Amino acid sequence: MEMHPIVGLGIMWCHPFGGQQQFDIAHVQLCVEQRCLIFQFNGTDGYGSVSSLLSGFLNNKDLKIVGLGMEKTLQKIEYDCQLTVAYALDLGIFAVEKYKKPKFSKTSIMELEYKHVGKV
């Protein structure tokens, strides 16, 4: 079985301003083990240059992109940044299927790690 490098993906949204109705992405965080890169966006600059940098990375089929609430996250980065992810896994859904406990779909990464790895 082939192992894919695992990359954690998270986004943070900023509150709408200037009469906007939608929440824009404030930053995208990518983590591998204990190292993270944070791409911060300035609403006036748009997403263009960062999106082009991230596009090839997120579309790499050799990487497994993981996080919580991935359906919403993937929709948001596709809509806001025109980015798609080739191989994604929602850890909440994975934990529910593996451990047969529906509450894991609504838990935090830290709680999942503490309960199943034993360290934080």
Protein backbone atom coordinates (compact mmCIF):
# COMPACT_ATOMS: atom_id res chain seq x y z
CA MET A 1 0.00 0.00 0.00
CA GLU A 2 1.38 3.38 -1.03
CA MET A 3 1.70 6.00 1.70
CA HIS A 4 0.82 9.60 0.90
CA PRO A 5 2.48 12.45 2.79
CA ILE A 6 -0.16 14.03 5.06
CA VAL A 7 -0.75 17.79 5.05
CA GLY A 8 -3.19 19.46 7.44
CA LEU A 9 -5.35 22.17 5.88
CA GLY A 10 -7.25 24.85 7.72
CA ILE A 11 -8.74 28.20 6.82
CA MET A 12 -9.81 31.18 8.86
CA TRP A 13 -12.52 33.49 7.66
CA CYS A 14 -12.74 37.22 8.29
CA HIS A 15 -15.96 39.05 9.01
CA PRO A 16 -17.64 40.80 6.09
CA PHE A 17 -16.88 44.50 5.72
CA GLY A 18 -17.96 47.29 3.44
CA GLY A 19 -21.48 45.93 2.93
CA GLN A 20 -20.31 42.45 1.87
CA GLN A 21 -22.62 39.55 2.62
CA GLN A 22 -20.04 36.76 2.61
CA PHE A 23 -17.11 35.83 4.82
CA ASP A 24 -13.81 35.99 2.92
CA ILE A 25 -10.82 33.77 3.63
CA ALA A 26 -8.34 35.58 5.90
CA HIS A 27 -5.66 32.88 5.81
CA VAL A 28 -4.89 29.34 4.69
CA GLN A 29 -2.79 27.17 7.00
CA LEU A 30 -0.89 24.11 5.79
CA CYS A 31 0.87 21.87 8.32
CA VAL A 32 3.17 18.88 8.01
CA GLU A 33 4.01 17.32 11.37
CA GLN A 34 4.98 20.31 13.56
CA ARG A 35 5.76 22.73 10.74
CA CYS A 36 3.15 25.11 9.36
CA LEU A 37 2.91 27.66 6.61
CA ILE A 38 0.29 30.37 6.88
CA PHE A 39 -0.77 32.30 3.80
CA GLN A 40 -2.45 35.50 4.90
CA PHE A 41 -4.73 37.41 2.55
CA ASN A 42 -5.38 41.12 2.36
CA GLY A 43 -8.90 41.68 1.08
CA THR A 44 -7.81 44.45 -1.24
CA ASP A 45 -5.11 42.37 -2.97
CA GLY A 46 -7.28 39.40 -3.85
CA TYR A 47 -6.05 35.83 -3.95
CA GLY A 48 -4.29 35.76 -7.34
CA SER A 49 -0.58 35.39 -6.54
CA VAL A 50 -1.06 33.08 -3.55
CA SER A 51 -3.63 30.98 -5.42
CA SER A 52 -1.19 30.34 -8.23
CA LEU A 53 1.47 29.23 -5.71
CA LEU A 54 -0.93 26.90 -3.89
CA SER A 55 -2.64 25.47 -6.96
CA GLY A 56 0.05 22.98 -7.95
CA PHE A 57 0.65 21.95 -4.35
CA LEU A 58 -3.01 21.28 -3.48
CA ASN A 59 -3.56 19.43 -6.76
CA ASN A 60 -0.66 17.05 -6.13
CA LYS A 61 -2.19 13.56 -6.11
CA ASP A 62 0.76 12.29 -4.04
CA LEU A 63 -0.36 14.35 -1.00
CA LYS A 64 -3.22 13.58 1.37
CA ILE A 65 -4.79 16.87 2.50
CA VAL A 66 -6.65 16.43 5.81
CA GLY A 67 -8.69 18.57 8.18
CA LEU A 68 -12.04 18.96 9.91
CA GLY A 69 -15.11 20.23 8.11
CA MET A 70 -13.40 19.63 4.80
CA GLU A 71 -16.56 19.88 2.68
CA LYS A 72 -17.07 23.52 3.72
CA THR A 73 -13.34 24.27 3.58
CA LEU A 74 -12.99 22.89 0.06
CA GLN A 75 -16.08 24.76 -1.14
CA LYS A 76 -14.75 28.00 0.34
CA ILE A 77 -11.25 27.78 -1.15
CA GLU A 78 -12.70 26.79 -4.52
CA TYR A 79 -15.16 29.71 -4.51
CA ASP A 80 -12.84 32.37 -3.06
CA CYS A 81 -9.46 31.32 -4.46
CA GLN A 82 -10.36 29.09 -7.43
CA LEU A 83 -8.34 26.27 -5.80
CA THR A 84 -9.12 22.57 -5.83
CA VAL A 85 -7.65 19.73 -3.79
CA ALA A 86 -6.81 16.44 -5.50
CA TYR A 87 -6.91 14.13 -2.44
CA ALA A 88 -8.79 15.24 0.68
CA LEU A 89 -9.87 13.46 3.87
CA ASP A 90 -12.18 14.84 6.55
CA LEU A 91 -10.76 13.61 9.85
CA GLY A 92 -14.10 13.99 11.66
CA ILE A 93 -15.87 11.72 9.18
CA PHE A 94 -12.92 9.32 9.21
CA ALA A 95 -13.04 9.13 13.04
CA VAL A 96 -16.82 8.51 13.02
CA GLU A 97 -16.41 5.65 10.54
CA LYS A 98 -13.40 4.13 12.29
CA TYR A 99 -14.61 4.38 15.90
CA LYS A 100 -18.39 4.30 15.30
CA LYS A 101 -18.92 7.41 17.47
CA PRO A 102 -21.00 10.13 15.75
CA LYS A 103 -19.80 12.81 18.20
CA PHE A 104 -16.36 12.75 16.52
CA SER A 105 -17.81 14.59 13.50
CA LYS A 106 -18.13 17.71 15.67
CA THR A 107 -14.93 17.53 17.72
CA SER A 108 -11.72 19.52 17.46
CA ILE A 109 -8.39 18.32 16.10
CA MET A 110 -6.84 18.66 19.57
CA GLU A 111 -9.57 16.51 21.12
CA LEU A 112 -9.19 13.82 18.45
CA GLU A 113 -5.43 13.80 18.91
CA TYR A 114 -5.69 13.63 22.70
CA LYS A 115 -8.18 10.77 22.67
CA HIS A 116 -6.53 8.70 19.96
CA VAL A 117 -2.86 9.53 20.04
CA GLY A 118 -2.59 10.42 23.72
CA LYS A 119 -0.66 13.64 23.46
CA VAL A 120 -1.24 17.27 22.64
